[in-house]
Amino acid sequence: MKDRLLCHIDCSGGASGDMMLGALVDAGVPVDVLRGELAKLGLAGYSLRASKVTRCGLAATKLDVIIEGGEAPPLRKWADVRRVIASSGLDAGIKKESLSIMKRLFEAEAAAHGTTVAKTHLHELGAVDCIVDIAGAVIGLQHLGVSSVTASPVNTGSGFVKTAHGTLPVPAPATAYLLRGAPVFASGAEMERTTPTGAAILSSLSSGFGNLPEMTLERVGIGAGGRDLPDSPNALRLFIGKRPALPFPDDDVTVIETNIDDMDPRLYEHVMDRLFKAGALDVFLSPIIMKKSRPATKLTAICRMGDVKALSGIILAETTTFGVRVYGASRRILDREFISVKTKYGDIRVKIGRLEGRVVTATPEYEDCRAAAERHNAPIGEVIREAEKAGR
């Protein structure tokens, strides 16, 4: 099985879309790969330029998105951006992740300025720049084989920044909105260290914020910001490597959980349905005892890293909890496939599980068995046994 890599983003110097792309190129993503994949968006009027620079004496890669003619094409609304990405020739997974990050950026801008996503315009943030930065980050991480992302506390910078809405304090309102729940600080020269695009990428892709996690380091990439500062590197670093060896490193998942002691239990079915539809791999409830011997329920959802934001949002919106716990986990899974088997009760789908090529479990689909039992007026247990036998 191919090794799945972890990427840790060091944001001590800030974060922006072009810094992320520069770090990915510095870590080994060929610029031509980015150009080729981004060409599938069908966007015109821009080019990519990579150059080697130093930041506070540190060698880094600067990647610029050059808008031809100096003016971005009129592509600034969410409907336009969604159409471009959704109709592109990009891989489905890259489309989904890019759209999710872009949507969060528009939501942040809308919330910051008291309007709606549909009415939000990207002003100083050129939409072409944002699409290239965001889709390019997703493309680059996939090219390197990264399956999970973590990040350090984020240096937002300080001072003020000029925008189409006037001079605003740093972090900019959209940046602050996107970094809710993340550890932040301000250090170094007064300037905007983390941009809304950088914050959108970090907060969407990262499964957690903290120190550099344990890994076998394979690659380091350094992406440069626009200015060379005397006091600290204006740069973003990527550390990419293998996770520590685990007993069964077959599959990486993320666990979201929360304890609830004040919710109408009839609502759990609705919450669970929404979580499954949003991509949860599993959802379950556990009875627990909380402080003062209060009976409660622990709601747990298991999902892929890319679905954490959506699923945690559902839990926060649909339940009475004030917060959720999120952590990574590894699981050992059987090789699995669905087959249709013929029985005297008709065709029934069976999930087959194999361990090292040997069938170790055959689980008939319950709804198929129930329907067959009703059609033939037969005990459902007998239908299940027949399907299991045929599946094996």
Protein backbone atom coordinates (compact mmCIF):
# COMPACT_ATOMS: atom_id res chain seq x y z
CA MET A 1 0.00 0.00 0.00
CA LYS A 2 1.33 3.45 -0.92
CA ASP A 3 2.57 5.50 2.02
CA ARG A 4 0.25 8.34 2.95
CA LEU A 5 2.11 11.53 3.76
CA LEU A 6 1.51 14.17 6.39
CA CYS A 7 2.11 17.85 5.61
CA HIS A 8 2.71 20.31 8.45
CA ILE A 9 2.43 23.99 7.55
CA ASP A 10 4.66 26.34 9.54
CA CYS A 11 2.79 29.66 9.60
CA SER A 12 5.16 31.47 11.96
CA GLY A 13 5.91 33.90 9.11
CA GLY A 14 2.28 34.15 7.99
CA ALA A 15 0.37 32.52 5.18
CA SER A 16 -0.96 33.52 1.77
CA GLY A 17 -2.00 31.73 -1.38
CA ASP A 18 1.18 32.56 -3.30
CA MET A 19 3.36 31.58 -0.32
CA MET A 20 1.60 28.20 -0.25
CA LEU A 21 2.15 27.67 -3.98
CA GLY A 22 5.78 28.73 -3.69
CA ALA A 23 6.35 26.27 -0.84
CA LEU A 24 4.77 23.44 -2.84
CA VAL A 25 7.01 24.18 -5.83
CA ASP A 26 10.01 24.38 -3.48
CA ALA A 27 9.00 20.99 -2.06
CA GLY A 28 9.08 19.37 -5.49
CA VAL A 29 5.87 20.13 -7.39
CA PRO A 30 6.97 21.06 -10.95
CA VAL A 31 5.61 24.40 -12.12
CA ASP A 32 4.62 22.72 -15.38
CA VAL A 33 2.40 20.31 -13.42
CA LEU A 34 0.61 23.25 -11.85
CA ARG A 35 0.29 24.96 -15.23
CA GLY A 36 -1.07 21.82 -16.87
CA GLU A 37 -3.63 21.07 -14.18
CA LEU A 38 -4.72 24.69 -13.77
CA ALA A 39 -5.20 24.93 -17.53
CA LYS A 40 -8.16 22.56 -17.04
CA LEU A 41 -9.99 25.47 -15.40
CA GLY A 42 -10.22 27.18 -18.78
CA LEU A 43 -9.12 30.54 -17.35
CA ALA A 44 -7.23 32.98 -19.54
CA GLY A 45 -5.37 36.18 -18.88
CA TYR A 46 -2.82 35.00 -16.32
CA SER A 47 0.51 33.20 -16.10
CA LEU A 48 2.66 31.62 -13.38
CA ARG A 49 6.22 32.71 -12.67
CA ALA A 50 8.50 30.97 -10.17
CA SER A 51 11.81 32.43 -9.02
CA LYS A 52 14.43 31.68 -6.37
CA VAL A 53 14.77 34.38 -3.71
CA THR A 54 16.00 34.78 -0.14
CA ARG A 55 13.97 35.94 2.83
CA CYS A 56 16.04 37.08 5.82
CA GLY A 57 18.88 34.98 4.37
CA LEU A 58 16.67 31.90 3.90
CA ALA A 59 16.49 30.42 0.39
CA ALA A 60 12.89 30.19 -0.82
CA THR A 61 10.71 30.01 -3.93
CA LYS A 62 8.52 32.96 -4.91
CA LEU A 63 5.59 32.07 -7.11
CA ASP A 64 3.64 34.91 -8.70
CA VAL A 65 0.30 34.79 -10.47
CA ILE A 66 0.79 37.40 -13.19
CA ILE A 67 -2.40 38.99 -14.49
CA GLU A 68 -1.83 39.91 -18.13
CA GLY A 69 -2.39 43.59 -18.81
CA GLY A 70 -2.30 44.26 -15.07
CA GLU A 71 -6.06 43.89 -14.63
CA ALA A 72 -7.92 40.76 -13.56
CA PRO A 73 -10.77 39.49 -15.76
CA PRO A 74 -14.30 40.37 -14.50
CA LEU A 75 -14.75 37.23 -12.44
CA ARG A 76 -15.60 38.23 -8.89
CA LYS A 77 -18.92 36.69 -7.80
CA TRP A 78 -19.49 33.27 -6.22
CA ALA A 79 -21.76 32.15 -9.05
CA ASP A 80 -19.00 32.87 -11.58
CA VAL A 81 -16.32 31.12 -9.53
CA ARG A 82 -18.52 28.09 -8.87
CA ARG A 83 -19.31 27.76 -12.58
CA VAL A 84 -15.64 27.91 -13.56
CA ILE A 85 -14.51 25.25 -11.09
CA ALA A 86 -17.53 22.95 -11.40
CA SER A 87 -17.36 22.87 -15.22
CA SER A 88 -13.58 22.42 -15.35
CA GLY A 89 -11.70 19.29 -16.32
CA LEU A 90 -10.09 18.93 -12.89
CA ASP A 91 -10.28 15.70 -10.92
CA ALA A 92 -13.56 15.42 -9.00
CA GLY A 93 -11.81 15.43 -5.63
CA ILE A 94 -9.84 18.57 -6.49
CA LYS A 95 -13.03 20.26 -7.67
CA LYS A 96 -14.85 19.43 -4.44
CA GLU A 97 -12.04 20.64 -2.17
CA SER A 98 -11.42 23.80 -4.22
CA LEU A 99 -15.12 24.70 -4.24
CA SER A 100 -15.33 24.12 -0.49
CA ILE A 101 -12.39 26.45 0.20
CA MET A 102 -13.65 29.12 -2.21
CA LYS A 103 -17.12 28.98 -0.67
CA ARG A 104 -15.66 29.55 2.80
CA LEU A 105 -13.72 32.55 1.47
CA PHE A 106 -16.90 34.09 0.06
CA GLU A 107 -18.78 33.33 3.29
CA ALA A 108 -16.05 35.06 5.30
CA GLU A 109 -16.10 38.14 3.07
CA ALA A 110 -19.91 38.25 3.25
CA ALA A 111 -19.94 37.94 7.05
CA ALA A 112 -17.20 40.55 7.43
CA HIS A 113 -19.08 43.13 5.38
CA GLY A 114 -22.65 42.34 6.39
CA THR A 115 -23.93 41.02 3.08
CA THR A 116 -24.75 37.69 1.44
CA VAL A 117 -22.54 35.26 -0.46
CA ALA A 118 -24.47 35.93 -3.68
CA LYS A 119 -23.88 39.69 -3.41
CA THR A 120 -20.25 39.49 -2.33
CA HIS A 121 -17.60 40.79 -4.72
CA LEU A 122 -13.91 40.02 -4.39
CA HIS A 123 -12.27 43.43 -4.65
CA GLU A 124 -8.56 43.50 -3.80
CA LEU A 125 -8.76 39.71 -3.88
CA GLY A 126 -8.86 39.04 -7.61
CA ALA A 127 -11.03 35.97 -8.18
CA VAL A 128 -8.59 34.60 -10.77
CA ASP A 129 -5.73 34.91 -8.26
CA CYS A 130 -7.82 33.19 -5.59
CA ILE A 131 -8.94 30.34 -7.83
CA VAL A 132 -5.38 29.70 -8.99
CA ASP A 133 -3.97 29.88 -5.45
CA ILE A 134 -6.63 27.63 -3.94
CA ALA A 135 -6.94 25.06 -6.73
CA GLY A 136 -3.14 25.10 -7.08
CA ALA A 137 -2.69 24.30 -3.38
CA VAL A 138 -5.07 21.33 -3.62
CA ILE A 139 -3.39 20.13 -6.84
CA GLY A 140 0.09 20.44 -5.35
CA LEU A 141 -0.72 18.52 -2.17
CA GLN A 142 -2.34 15.75 -4.20
CA HIS A 143 0.69 15.58 -6.51
CA LEU A 144 2.98 15.08 -3.52
CA GLY A 145 0.77 12.32 -2.11
CA VAL A 146 -0.29 14.25 1.00
CA SER A 147 -3.29 12.72 2.76
CA SER A 148 -3.46 14.84 5.92
CA VAL A 149 -2.49 18.39 6.88
CA THR A 150 -1.71 20.09 10.18
CA ALA A 151 -0.57 23.63 10.87
CA SER A 152 1.27 25.70 13.46
CA PRO A 153 -0.26 28.66 15.30
CA VAL A 154 -0.80 31.41 12.74
CA ASN A 155 1.07 34.71 12.65
CA THR A 156 -1.59 37.15 11.45
CA GLY A 157 0.62 40.23 11.52
CA SER A 158 -0.46 43.58 12.92
CA GLY A 159 -1.03 47.19 11.94
CA PHE A 160 -3.39 48.18 9.15
CA VAL A 161 -4.10 47.20 5.55
CA LYS A 162 -5.66 49.27 2.77
CA THR A 163 -8.72 47.68 1.13
CA ALA A 164 -11.60 48.70 -1.12
CA HIS A 165 -13.60 49.24 2.10
CA GLY A 166 -10.99 51.59 3.54
CA THR A 167 -8.06 51.11 5.90
CA LEU A 168 -8.76 48.14 8.14
CA PRO A 169 -6.90 46.66 11.13
CA VAL A 170 -4.87 43.47 10.75
CA PRO A 171 -5.96 40.71 10.75
CA ALA A 172 -8.48 41.74 8.11
CA PRO A 173 -12.09 40.94 9.09
CA ALA A 174 -12.38 38.02 6.64
CA THR A 175 -9.07 36.57 7.88
CA ALA A 176 -10.23 36.79 11.50
CA TYR A 177 -13.53 35.12 10.58
CA LEU A 178 -11.77 32.21 8.86
CA LEU A 179 -9.31 31.66 11.71
CA ARG A 180 -11.94 31.30 14.42
CA GLY A 181 -10.94 28.33 16.56
CA ALA A 182 -7.30 28.44 15.43
CA PRO A 183 -4.41 29.62 17.65
CA VAL A 184 -3.18 33.00 16.37
CA PHE A 185 -0.58 35.59 17.34
CA ALA A 186 1.06 38.73 15.95
CA SER A 187 4.82 39.09 15.68
CA GLY A 188 7.39 40.99 13.66
CA ALA A 189 7.02 44.04 11.44
CA GLU A 190 3.61 45.70 11.27
CA MET A 191 2.04 44.28 8.11
CA GLU A 192 -0.55 41.77 6.95
CA ARG A 193 1.17 38.42 7.40
CA THR A 194 -1.82 36.18 6.75
CA THR A 195 -4.27 37.00 3.95
CA PRO A 196 -7.88 35.84 3.64
CA THR A 197 -6.86 33.36 0.92
CA GLY A 198 -4.10 31.96 3.12
CA ALA A 199 -6.50 31.72 6.06
CA ALA A 200 -9.09 29.94 3.89
CA ILE A 201 -6.55 27.33 2.77
CA LEU A 202 -5.22 26.77 6.30
CA SER A 203 -8.56 26.55 8.07
CA SER A 204 -10.08 24.31 5.39
CA LEU A 205 -7.26 21.81 4.91
CA SER A 206 -5.77 21.57 8.39
CA SER A 207 -7.14 18.91 10.73
CA GLY A 208 -5.52 20.62 13.71
CA PHE A 209 -3.12 23.35 14.88
CA GLY A 210 -0.07 22.86 17.07
CA ASN A 211 3.59 21.93 17.12
CA LEU A 212 5.35 19.96 14.41
CA PRO A 213 4.01 16.39 14.78
CA GLU A 214 6.21 13.32 14.79
CA MET A 215 7.08 12.16 11.28
CA THR A 216 9.93 10.80 9.18
CA LEU A 217 10.75 14.00 7.32
CA GLU A 218 11.11 13.60 3.54
CA ARG A 219 10.63 17.07 2.04
CA VAL A 220 10.83 20.70 3.12
CA GLY A 221 9.41 23.49 0.99
CA ILE A 222 9.74 27.23 1.64
CA GLY A 223 7.46 29.73 -0.06
CA ALA A 224 8.36 33.42 -0.03
CA GLY A 225 6.17 36.39 0.68
CA GLY A 226 6.50 39.60 -1.29
CA ARG A 227 8.86 41.51 1.04
CA ASP A 228 12.26 40.66 2.49
CA LEU A 229 12.10 41.72 6.13
CA PRO A 230 15.14 42.34 8.34
CA ASP A 231 13.79 40.79 11.54
CA SER A 232 12.28 37.44 10.49
CA PRO A 233 11.70 35.40 7.31
CA ASN A 234 8.58 36.45 5.41
CA ALA A 235 8.00 32.85 4.38
CA LEU A 236 5.81 29.80 4.84
CA ARG A 237 7.38 26.36 5.34
CA LEU A 238 6.02 22.92 4.54
CA PHE A 239 7.29 19.80 6.31
CA ILE A 240 6.24 16.64 4.50
CA GLY A 241 6.89 13.12 5.68
CA LYS A 242 5.62 9.75 6.76
CA ARG A 243 3.65 9.19 9.91
CA PRO A 244 5.19 6.98 12.63
CA ALA A 245 4.71 3.29 11.97
CA LEU A 246 1.42 2.05 13.41
CA PRO A 247 0.26 -1.53 13.87
CA PHE A 248 -2.44 -1.22 11.23
CA PRO A 249 -1.84 1.91 9.12
CA ASP A 250 -4.37 0.93 6.47
CA ASP A 251 -6.62 3.96 6.57
CA ASP A 252 -6.52 7.44 8.09
CA VAL A 253 -9.76 8.95 9.38
CA THR A 254 -10.86 11.84 11.57
CA VAL A 255 -13.11 11.45 14.62
CA ILE A 256 -15.55 14.18 15.66
CA GLU A 257 -17.32 13.77 18.99
CA THR A 258 -19.27 15.72 21.57
CA ASN A 259 -21.13 15.05 24.86
CA ILE A 260 -24.78 16.18 25.05
CA ASP A 261 -27.01 16.12 28.10
CA ASP A 262 -29.82 18.55 27.24
CA MET A 263 -31.23 17.60 23.85
CA ASP A 264 -34.53 16.02 22.86
CA PRO A 265 -33.50 12.44 21.90
CA ARG A 266 -36.00 12.43 19.05
CA LEU A 267 -33.72 14.83 17.18
CA TYR A 268 -30.76 12.44 16.95
CA GLU A 269 -32.17 10.54 13.97
CA HIS A 270 -32.35 13.76 11.94
CA VAL A 271 -28.81 14.75 12.94
CA MET A 272 -27.43 11.32 12.04
CA ASP A 273 -29.18 11.36 8.65
CA ARG A 274 -27.68 14.75 7.84
CA LEU A 275 -24.19 13.60 8.87
CA PHE A 276 -24.36 10.48 6.69
CA LYS A 277 -25.57 12.51 3.70
CA ALA A 278 -22.70 14.96 4.23
CA GLY A 279 -20.10 12.18 3.94
CA ALA A 280 -19.74 10.58 7.38
CA LEU A 281 -18.27 7.09 7.25
CA ASP A 282 -20.05 6.18 10.48
CA VAL A 283 -22.17 7.90 13.12
CA PHE A 284 -23.12 6.42 16.49
CA LEU A 285 -24.45 7.31 19.94
CA SER A 286 -23.01 6.13 23.27
CA PRO A 287 -24.64 6.47 26.70
CA ILE A 288 -22.30 8.18 29.20
CA ILE A 289 -22.39 9.67 32.69
CA MET A 290 -21.20 13.28 33.01
CA LYS A 291 -20.39 15.41 36.05
CA LYS A 292 -22.89 15.42 38.92
CA SER A 293 -23.92 11.93 37.70
CA ARG A 294 -25.95 13.38 34.83
CA PRO A 295 -26.84 10.82 32.13
CA ALA A 296 -25.84 12.01 28.67
CA THR A 297 -25.15 10.90 25.12
CA LYS A 298 -21.85 10.99 23.26
CA LEU A 299 -22.37 11.66 19.55
CA THR A 300 -19.48 10.38 17.41
CA ALA A 301 -18.92 10.83 13.67
CA ILE A 302 -16.07 9.25 11.71
CA CYS A 303 -15.12 10.93 8.45
CA ARG A 304 -12.40 11.91 6.00
CA MET A 305 -10.31 14.95 6.83
CA GLY A 306 -11.87 16.98 4.03
CA ASP A 307 -15.36 16.57 5.51
CA VAL A 308 -14.52 17.78 9.04
CA LYS A 309 -15.70 21.36 8.48
CA ALA A 310 -19.05 20.33 7.00
CA LEU A 311 -19.80 17.64 9.58
CA SER A 312 -18.74 19.67 12.62
CA GLY A 313 -20.87 22.52 11.28
CA ILE A 314 -23.90 20.24 11.14
CA ILE A 315 -23.33 19.06 14.72
CA LEU A 316 -22.92 22.62 16.00
CA ALA A 317 -26.02 23.83 14.15
CA GLU A 318 -28.33 20.87 14.78
CA THR A 319 -27.55 19.95 18.40
CA THR A 320 -27.34 21.80 21.71
CA THR A 321 -23.59 21.34 22.10
CA PHE A 322 -21.22 24.31 22.36
CA GLY A 323 -18.23 22.52 20.85
CA VAL A 324 -16.81 19.33 19.37
CA ARG A 325 -13.58 17.38 19.78
CA VAL A 326 -11.66 16.52 16.60
CA TYR A 327 -8.73 14.13 16.35
CA GLY A 328 -7.09 11.84 13.84
CA ALA A 329 -7.15 8.07 13.98
CA SER A 330 -5.98 5.09 11.94
CA ARG A 331 -8.04 1.99 11.30
CA ARG A 332 -7.38 -1.40 9.78
CA ILE A 333 -9.94 -2.30 7.15
CA LEU A 334 -10.71 -5.33 5.02
CA ASP A 335 -10.53 -5.11 1.25
CA ARG A 336 -14.19 -4.85 0.37
CA GLU A 337 -16.53 -4.98 -2.57
CA PHE A 338 -20.24 -5.38 -3.26
CA ILE A 339 -21.46 -8.32 -5.31
CA SER A 340 -24.92 -9.51 -6.28
CA VAL A 341 -25.63 -13.16 -5.46
CA LYS A 342 -28.43 -15.41 -6.68
CA THR A 343 -30.51 -17.16 -4.04
CA LYS A 344 -33.85 -18.97 -4.10
CA TYR A 345 -35.28 -15.69 -2.84
CA GLY A 346 -33.87 -13.67 -5.74
CA ASP A 347 -30.80 -11.51 -6.25
CA ILE A 348 -29.37 -9.97 -3.07
CA ARG A 349 -26.44 -7.60 -2.68
CA VAL A 350 -23.67 -8.77 -0.34
CA LYS A 351 -20.69 -6.83 1.01
CA ILE A 352 -17.61 -9.07 0.79
CA GLY A 353 -14.62 -8.52 3.07
CA ARG A 354 -11.23 -10.03 2.21
CA LEU A 355 -8.08 -10.35 4.31
CA GLU A 356 -4.98 -11.03 2.21
CA GLY A 357 -7.22 -12.27 -0.58
CA ARG A 358 -9.28 -14.62 1.59
CA VAL A 359 -13.00 -13.96 2.15
CA VAL A 360 -13.50 -13.55 5.89
CA THR A 361 -16.92 -11.93 5.98
CA ALA A 362 -19.99 -11.71 3.78
CA THR A 363 -22.70 -9.32 4.94
CA PRO A 364 -26.00 -9.25 3.01
CA GLU A 365 -27.67 -5.89 2.57
CA TYR A 366 -30.46 -5.80 5.13
CA GLU A 367 -32.97 -3.91 2.97
CA ASP A 368 -32.54 -6.42 0.12
CA CYS A 369 -33.14 -9.30 2.56
CA ARG A 370 -36.17 -7.66 4.09
CA ALA A 371 -37.74 -7.04 0.69
CA ALA A 372 -37.05 -10.65 -0.38
CA ALA A 373 -38.52 -12.00 2.87
CA GLU A 374 -41.69 -9.98 2.34
CA ARG A 375 -42.02 -11.08 -1.29
CA HIS A 376 -41.67 -14.78 -0.40
CA ASN A 377 -43.33 -14.66 3.02
CA ALA A 378 -40.16 -16.20 4.45
CA PRO A 379 -38.31 -15.61 7.74
CA ILE A 380 -35.76 -12.85 7.23
CA GLY A 381 -33.13 -14.85 9.15
CA GLU A 382 -33.37 -17.64 6.59
CA VAL A 383 -32.97 -15.15 3.71
CA ILE A 384 -29.88 -13.66 5.37
CA ARG A 385 -28.31 -17.11 5.88
CA GLU A 386 -28.92 -18.04 2.23
CA ALA A 387 -27.32 -14.78 1.04
CA GLU A 388 -24.32 -15.24 3.37
CA LYS A 389 -23.78 -18.76 2.06
CA ALA A 390 -23.98 -17.61 -1.56
CA GLY A 391 -21.64 -14.67 -0.84
CA ARG A 392 -18.93 -16.91 0.59
